[in-house]
Amino acid sequence: MSENWDQYADDWDTNADVIQYADKAFDTLCEIVNLQGLTVLDFGCGTGLLAERMAAKVGRIVCIDSSEKMIEVLQNKQLKNVETWAGELTAETLKSNPIFNSKFDLVVASSVCAFLPDYEGTLTLLKQALKPKGVFIQWDWLKTSDDSDFGFTDKTIETALINSGMEVVKVETAFAMESSKGTMPVIMAVASNA
């Protein structure tokens, strides 16, 4: 999967739609969570556009992405409180990689979960990375029709969050993006490690 994303890494930060998505996700994040001093896991961070926006406020960010090239672009930004890791998130990674020794106040996943082969299994791993009462927030494309095989419905997200052991705070349409295909709504889920 990472090889597919590697090809986009060099131009990712110049894509106006990608920048706008990160801006809108960050704005909604700031409405929900006081970021000051938090430890954050940015899961599926890409080139770190969301991490860049959080870096000035949070204490520490660990960014993980399966694309080595996306991580290279992020590393070249030299953000002082950002640590990176290129690879897949697994139970073994959480247990043995020192970057994950401390649990996180906040886990964010921006436009990544719809691409996962095992969404619910990944949520279970992300829950393990959270501190008690820690918060998980995801943004993904809203599935707008039954014949679409991409995106999520609010019911799909709620069920997966509950099955992973998290407590659903809310699932709602957070913002929309305009494209040549029309308006594309973005769904946001907020959950806690109850």
C-alpha atoms as a PDB file:
ATOM      1  CA  MET A   1       0.000   0.000   0.000  1.00  0.00           C
ATOM      2  CA  SER A   2       2.804   2.456   0.839  1.00  0.00           C
ATOM      3  CA  GLU A   3       4.247   2.303  -2.689  1.00  0.00           C
ATOM      4  CA  ASN A   4       0.999   3.734  -4.058  1.00  0.00           C
ATOM      5  CA  TRP A   5       1.311   6.760  -1.761  1.00  0.00           C
ATOM      6  CA  ASP A   6       5.052   7.198  -2.344  1.00  0.00           C
ATOM      7  CA  GLN A   7       4.344   8.481  -5.851  1.00  0.00           C
ATOM      8  CA  TYR A   8       2.339  11.429  -4.465  1.00  0.00           C
ATOM      9  CA  ALA A   9       4.815  12.526  -1.785  1.00  0.00           C
ATOM     10  CA  ASP A  10       6.850  15.103  -3.696  1.00  0.00           C
ATOM     11  CA  ASP A  11       3.826  17.153  -4.800  1.00  0.00           C
ATOM     12  CA  TRP A  12       1.466  16.488  -1.890  1.00  0.00           C
ATOM     13  CA  ASP A  13       2.110  19.759  -0.061  1.00  0.00           C
ATOM     14  CA  THR A  14       1.426  21.842  -3.180  1.00  0.00           C
ATOM     15  CA  ASN A  15      -2.040  20.374  -3.818  1.00  0.00           C
ATOM     16  CA  ALA A  16      -4.570  23.096  -2.942  1.00  0.00           C
ATOM     17  CA  ASP A  17      -7.296  20.556  -2.079  1.00  0.00           C
ATOM     18  CA  VAL A  18      -4.990  18.652   0.271  1.00  0.00           C
ATOM     19  CA  ILE A  19      -3.994  21.909   1.993  1.00  0.00           C
ATOM     20  CA  GLN A  20      -7.631  22.990   2.327  1.00  0.00           C
ATOM     21  CA  TYR A  21      -8.597  19.590   3.786  1.00  0.00           C
ATOM     22  CA  ALA A  22      -5.810  19.874   6.403  1.00  0.00           C
ATOM     23  CA  ASP A  23      -6.876  23.437   7.254  1.00  0.00           C
ATOM     24  CA  LYS A  24     -10.501  22.410   7.715  1.00  0.00           C
ATOM     25  CA  ALA A  25      -9.593  19.336   9.763  1.00  0.00           C
ATOM     26  CA  PHE A  26      -7.363  21.468  11.994  1.00  0.00           C
ATOM     27  CA  ASP A  27     -10.123  24.064  12.464  1.00  0.00           C
ATOM     28  CA  THR A  28     -12.614  21.403  13.561  1.00  0.00           C
ATOM     29  CA  LEU A  29      -9.975  19.811  15.807  1.00  0.00           C
ATOM     30  CA  CYS A  30      -9.402  23.127  17.605  1.00  0.00           C
ATOM     31  CA  GLU A  31     -13.147  23.455  18.215  1.00  0.00           C
ATOM     32  CA  ILE A  32     -13.168  20.112  20.047  1.00  0.00           C
ATOM     33  CA  VAL A  33      -9.841  19.796  21.846  1.00  0.00           C
ATOM     34  CA  ASN A  34      -7.513  22.181  23.661  1.00  0.00           C
ATOM     35  CA  LEU A  35      -4.224  21.100  22.101  1.00  0.00           C
ATOM     36  CA  GLN A  36      -1.945  22.898  24.545  1.00  0.00           C
ATOM     37  CA  GLY A  37       0.794  20.536  25.748  1.00  0.00           C
ATOM     38  CA  LEU A  38      -0.868  17.300  24.555  1.00  0.00           C
ATOM     39  CA  THR A  39       0.964  14.218  23.344  1.00  0.00           C
ATOM     40  CA  VAL A  40      -0.451  13.316  19.937  1.00  0.00           C
ATOM     41  CA  LEU A  41      -0.272  10.373  17.565  1.00  0.00           C
ATOM     42  CA  ASP A  42      -0.925  11.429  13.964  1.00  0.00           C
ATOM     43  CA  PHE A  43      -1.839   8.122  12.338  1.00  0.00           C
ATOM     44  CA  GLY A  44      -1.499   8.068   8.553  1.00  0.00           C
ATOM     45  CA  CYS A  45       0.167  11.476   8.735  1.00  0.00           C
ATOM     46  CA  GLY A  46       1.254  11.680   5.100  1.00  0.00           C
ATOM     47  CA  THR A  47       3.621  14.637   4.723  1.00  0.00           C
ATOM     48  CA  GLY A  48       2.508  16.055   8.050  1.00  0.00           C
ATOM     49  CA  LEU A  49       0.217  18.880   6.967  1.00  0.00           C
ATOM     50  CA  LEU A  50      -1.983  18.381  10.040  1.00  0.00           C
ATOM     51  CA  ALA A  51       1.058  17.828  12.275  1.00  0.00           C
ATOM     52  CA  GLU A  52       2.531  21.144  11.092  1.00  0.00           C
ATOM     53  CA  ARG A  53      -0.617  22.917  12.219  1.00  0.00           C
ATOM     54  CA  MET A  54      -0.626  21.171  15.617  1.00  0.00           C
ATOM     55  CA  ALA A  55       3.109  21.461  16.316  1.00  0.00           C
ATOM     56  CA  ALA A  56       3.017  24.998  17.737  1.00  0.00           C
ATOM     57  CA  LYS A  57       0.466  24.009  20.379  1.00  0.00           C
ATOM     58  CA  VAL A  58       1.102  20.428  21.417  1.00  0.00           C
ATOM     59  CA  GLY A  59       3.918  19.027  23.528  1.00  0.00           C
ATOM     60  CA  ARG A  60       4.908  16.092  21.308  1.00  0.00           C
ATOM     61  CA  ILE A  61       3.656  14.499  18.117  1.00  0.00           C
ATOM     62  CA  VAL A  62       4.483  11.031  16.842  1.00  0.00           C
ATOM     63  CA  CYS A  63       3.693  10.743  13.138  1.00  0.00           C
ATOM     64  CA  ILE A  64       3.293   7.333  11.529  1.00  0.00           C
ATOM     65  CA  ASP A  65       2.677   6.537   7.885  1.00  0.00           C
ATOM     66  CA  SER A  66       3.213   3.464   5.743  1.00  0.00           C
ATOM     67  CA  SER A  67       4.766   5.604   2.973  1.00  0.00           C
ATOM     68  CA  GLU A  68       8.495   6.134   3.479  1.00  0.00           C
ATOM     69  CA  LYS A  69       8.515   8.977   0.961  1.00  0.00           C
ATOM     70  CA  MET A  70       5.710  10.826   2.756  1.00  0.00           C
ATOM     71  CA  ILE A  71       7.678  10.470   6.005  1.00  0.00           C
ATOM     72  CA  GLU A  72      10.842  11.764   4.272  1.00  0.00           C
ATOM     73  CA  VAL A  73       8.990  14.925   3.211  1.00  0.00           C
ATOM     74  CA  LEU A  74       7.785  15.407   6.793  1.00  0.00           C
ATOM     75  CA  GLN A  75      11.277  14.843   8.220  1.00  0.00           C
ATOM     76  CA  ASN A  76      12.681  17.506   5.895  1.00  0.00           C
ATOM     77  CA  LYS A  77      10.374  20.054   7.562  1.00  0.00           C
ATOM     78  CA  GLN A  78      12.438  19.602  10.753  1.00  0.00           C
ATOM     79  CA  LEU A  79       9.583  20.251  13.176  1.00  0.00           C
ATOM     80  CA  LYS A  80      11.181  20.289  16.628  1.00  0.00           C
ATOM     81  CA  ASN A  81       8.567  18.344  18.581  1.00  0.00           C
ATOM     82  CA  VAL A  82       7.684  15.814  15.872  1.00  0.00           C
ATOM     83  CA  GLU A  83       9.000  12.255  15.765  1.00  0.00           C
ATOM     84  CA  THR A  84       8.344  10.064  12.737  1.00  0.00           C
ATOM     85  CA  TRP A  85       8.082   6.414  11.920  1.00  0.00           C
ATOM     86  CA  ALA A  86       7.505   4.823   8.510  1.00  0.00           C
ATOM     87  CA  GLY A  87       5.707   1.509   8.697  1.00  0.00           C
ATOM     88  CA  GLU A  88       2.493  -0.312   9.416  1.00  0.00           C
ATOM     89  CA  LEU A  89       0.897  -0.089  12.838  1.00  0.00           C
ATOM     90  CA  THR A  90       0.776  -3.522  14.458  1.00  0.00           C
ATOM     91  CA  ALA A  91       0.480  -4.896  17.982  1.00  0.00           C
ATOM     92  CA  GLU A  92       4.185  -5.758  17.823  1.00  0.00           C
ATOM     93  CA  THR A  93       5.048  -2.192  16.761  1.00  0.00           C
ATOM     94  CA  LEU A  94       3.156  -0.760  19.723  1.00  0.00           C
ATOM     95  CA  LYS A  95       4.886  -3.180  22.087  1.00  0.00           C
ATOM     96  CA  SER A  96       8.460  -3.066  20.823  1.00  0.00           C
ATOM     97  CA  ASN A  97       9.058   0.315  19.167  1.00  0.00           C
ATOM     98  CA  PRO A  98      10.320   2.868  21.729  1.00  0.00           C
ATOM     99  CA  ILE A  99       8.540   5.698  19.920  1.00  0.00           C
ATOM    100  CA  PHE A 100       5.296   4.232  21.283  1.00  0.00           C
ATOM    101  CA  ASN A 101       6.468   3.697  24.896  1.00  0.00           C
ATOM    102  CA  SER A 102       4.254   6.501  26.182  1.00  0.00           C
ATOM    103  CA  LYS A 103       0.547   6.571  25.567  1.00  0.00           C
ATOM    104  CA  PHE A 104      -1.127   9.518  23.856  1.00  0.00           C
ATOM    105  CA  ASP A 105      -3.680  12.114  24.940  1.00  0.00           C
ATOM    106  CA  LEU A 106      -4.951  12.384  21.378  1.00  0.00           C
ATOM    107  CA  VAL A 107      -4.889  10.216  18.259  1.00  0.00           C
ATOM    108  CA  VAL A 108      -5.845  11.824  14.955  1.00  0.00           C
ATOM    109  CA  ALA A 109      -6.419  10.116  11.613  1.00  0.00           C
ATOM    110  CA  SER A 110      -7.100  12.467   8.728  1.00  0.00           C
ATOM    111  CA  SER A 111      -8.364  10.928   5.490  1.00  0.00           C
ATOM    112  CA  VAL A 112      -6.711   7.585   6.136  1.00  0.00           C
ATOM    113  CA  CYS A 113      -9.167   5.121   7.714  1.00  0.00           C
ATOM    114  CA  ALA A 114     -11.173   4.567   4.517  1.00  0.00           C
ATOM    115  CA  PHE A 115      -7.997   3.187   2.920  1.00  0.00           C
ATOM    116  CA  LEU A 116      -7.324   0.618   5.667  1.00  0.00           C
ATOM    117  CA  PRO A 117      -7.800  -3.091   4.940  1.00  0.00           C
ATOM    118  CA  ASP A 118      -8.897  -3.681   8.566  1.00  0.00           C
ATOM    119  CA  TYR A 119     -10.517  -0.531   9.905  1.00  0.00           C
ATOM    120  CA  GLU A 120     -11.897  -2.064  13.099  1.00  0.00           C
ATOM    121  CA  GLY A 121      -8.660  -3.894  13.878  1.00  0.00           C
ATOM    122  CA  THR A 122      -6.699  -0.674  13.440  1.00  0.00           C
ATOM    123  CA  LEU A 123      -9.091   1.162  15.763  1.00  0.00           C
ATOM    124  CA  THR A 124      -8.421  -1.501  18.389  1.00  0.00           C
ATOM    125  CA  LEU A 125      -4.680  -0.852  18.061  1.00  0.00           C
ATOM    126  CA  LEU A 126      -5.176   2.922  18.198  1.00  0.00           C
ATOM    127  CA  LYS A 127      -7.245   2.527  21.377  1.00  0.00           C
ATOM    128  CA  GLN A 128      -4.281   0.706  22.938  1.00  0.00           C
ATOM    129  CA  ALA A 129      -2.103   3.724  22.116  1.00  0.00           C
ATOM    130  CA  LEU A 130      -4.435   6.116  23.966  1.00  0.00           C
ATOM    131  CA  LYS A 131      -4.186   7.120  27.598  1.00  0.00           C
ATOM    132  CA  PRO A 132      -7.296   6.491  29.716  1.00  0.00           C
ATOM    133  CA  LYS A 133      -9.836   9.160  28.717  1.00  0.00           C
ATOM    134  CA  GLY A 134      -7.684   9.943  25.676  1.00  0.00           C
ATOM    135  CA  VAL A 135      -9.472  11.177  22.553  1.00  0.00           C
ATOM    136  CA  PHE A 136      -9.555   9.705  19.047  1.00  0.00           C
ATOM    137  CA  ILE A 137     -10.645  11.876  16.100  1.00  0.00           C
ATOM    138  CA  GLN A 138     -10.905  10.837  12.470  1.00  0.00           C
ATOM    139  CA  TRP A 139     -11.922  12.651   9.311  1.00  0.00           C
ATOM    140  CA  ASP A 140     -12.888  10.655   6.220  1.00  0.00           C
ATOM    141  CA  TRP A 141     -15.121  10.852   3.191  1.00  0.00           C
ATOM    142  CA  LEU A 142     -18.817  10.348   3.850  1.00  0.00           C
ATOM    143  CA  LYS A 143     -20.300   7.485   1.881  1.00  0.00           C
ATOM    144  CA  THR A 144     -23.148   9.214   0.082  1.00  0.00           C
ATOM    145  CA  SER A 145     -24.776   6.335  -1.786  1.00  0.00           C
ATOM    146  CA  ASP A 146     -25.330   2.622  -1.324  1.00  0.00           C
ATOM    147  CA  ASP A 147     -23.567   1.814  -4.598  1.00  0.00           C
ATOM    148  CA  SER A 148     -20.367   3.575  -3.512  1.00  0.00           C
ATOM    149  CA  ASP A 149     -17.649   1.276  -2.206  1.00  0.00           C
ATOM    150  CA  PHE A 150     -15.590   4.095  -0.696  1.00  0.00           C
ATOM    151  CA  GLY A 151     -16.028   6.144   2.448  1.00  0.00           C
ATOM    152  CA  PHE A 152     -17.998   5.612   5.622  1.00  0.00           C
ATOM    153  CA  THR A 153     -21.500   6.007   6.892  1.00  0.00           C
ATOM    154  CA  ASP A 154     -21.962   7.257  10.426  1.00  0.00           C
ATOM    155  CA  LYS A 155     -23.346   3.828  11.372  1.00  0.00           C
ATOM    156  CA  THR A 156     -20.237   2.042  10.046  1.00  0.00           C
ATOM    157  CA  ILE A 157     -17.978   4.305  12.080  1.00  0.00           C
ATOM    158  CA  GLU A 158     -20.081   4.092  15.255  1.00  0.00           C
ATOM    159  CA  THR A 159     -20.190   0.287  15.092  1.00  0.00           C
ATOM    160  CA  ALA A 160     -16.429  -0.004  14.534  1.00  0.00           C
ATOM    161  CA  LEU A 161     -15.637   2.414  17.369  1.00  0.00           C
ATOM    162  CA  ILE A 162     -17.884   0.536  19.787  1.00  0.00           C
ATOM    163  CA  ASN A 163     -16.458  -2.828  18.705  1.00  0.00           C
ATOM    164  CA  SER A 164     -12.926  -1.509  19.288  1.00  0.00           C
ATOM    165  CA  GLY A 165     -13.845  -0.619  22.871  1.00  0.00           C
ATOM    166  CA  MET A 166     -14.017   3.140  22.462  1.00  0.00           C
ATOM    167  CA  GLU A 167     -16.883   5.331  23.592  1.00  0.00           C
ATOM    168  CA  VAL A 168     -18.491   7.326  20.779  1.00  0.00           C
ATOM    169  CA  VAL A 169     -18.739  11.032  21.565  1.00  0.00           C
ATOM    170  CA  LYS A 170     -20.103  12.114  18.191  1.00  0.00           C
ATOM    171  CA  VAL A 171     -20.104  11.309  14.511  1.00  0.00           C
ATOM    172  CA  GLU A 172     -21.137  14.118  12.175  1.00  0.00           C
ATOM    173  CA  THR A 173     -20.441  15.814   8.893  1.00  0.00           C
ATOM    174  CA  ALA A 174     -17.637  18.255   9.714  1.00  0.00           C
ATOM    175  CA  PHE A 175     -17.124  20.069   6.421  1.00  0.00           C
ATOM    176  CA  ALA A 176     -17.320  19.560   2.674  1.00  0.00           C
ATOM    177  CA  MET A 177     -14.883  19.825  -0.189  1.00  0.00           C
ATOM    178  CA  GLU A 178     -15.829  20.996  -3.670  1.00  0.00           C
ATOM    179  CA  SER A 179     -14.600  19.050  -6.674  1.00  0.00           C
ATOM    180  CA  SER A 180     -15.385  18.613 -10.341  1.00  0.00           C
ATOM    181  CA  LYS A 181     -17.698  15.792  -9.232  1.00  0.00           C
ATOM    182  CA  GLY A 182     -19.610  18.103  -6.887  1.00  0.00           C
ATOM    183  CA  THR A 183     -19.683  18.514  -3.135  1.00  0.00           C
ATOM    184  CA  MET A 184     -17.863  15.826  -1.165  1.00  0.00           C
ATOM    185  CA  PRO A 185     -18.843  15.757   2.521  1.00  0.00           C
ATOM    186  CA  VAL A 186     -16.268  14.838   5.151  1.00  0.00           C
ATOM    187  CA  ILE A 187     -17.429  12.888   8.180  1.00  0.00           C
ATOM    188  CA  MET A 188     -15.732  13.352  11.547  1.00  0.00           C
ATOM    189  CA  ALA A 189     -15.809  10.900  14.426  1.00  0.00           C
ATOM    190  CA  VAL A 190     -14.839  11.728  17.986  1.00  0.00           C
ATOM    191  CA  ALA A 191     -14.402   8.944  20.526  1.00  0.00           C
ATOM    192  CA  SER A 192     -12.764   8.475  23.900  1.00  0.00           C
ATOM    193  CA  ASN A 193     -10.839   5.691  25.537  1.00  0.00           C
ATOM    194  CA  ALA A 194     -13.408   5.179  28.251  1.00  0.00           C
END
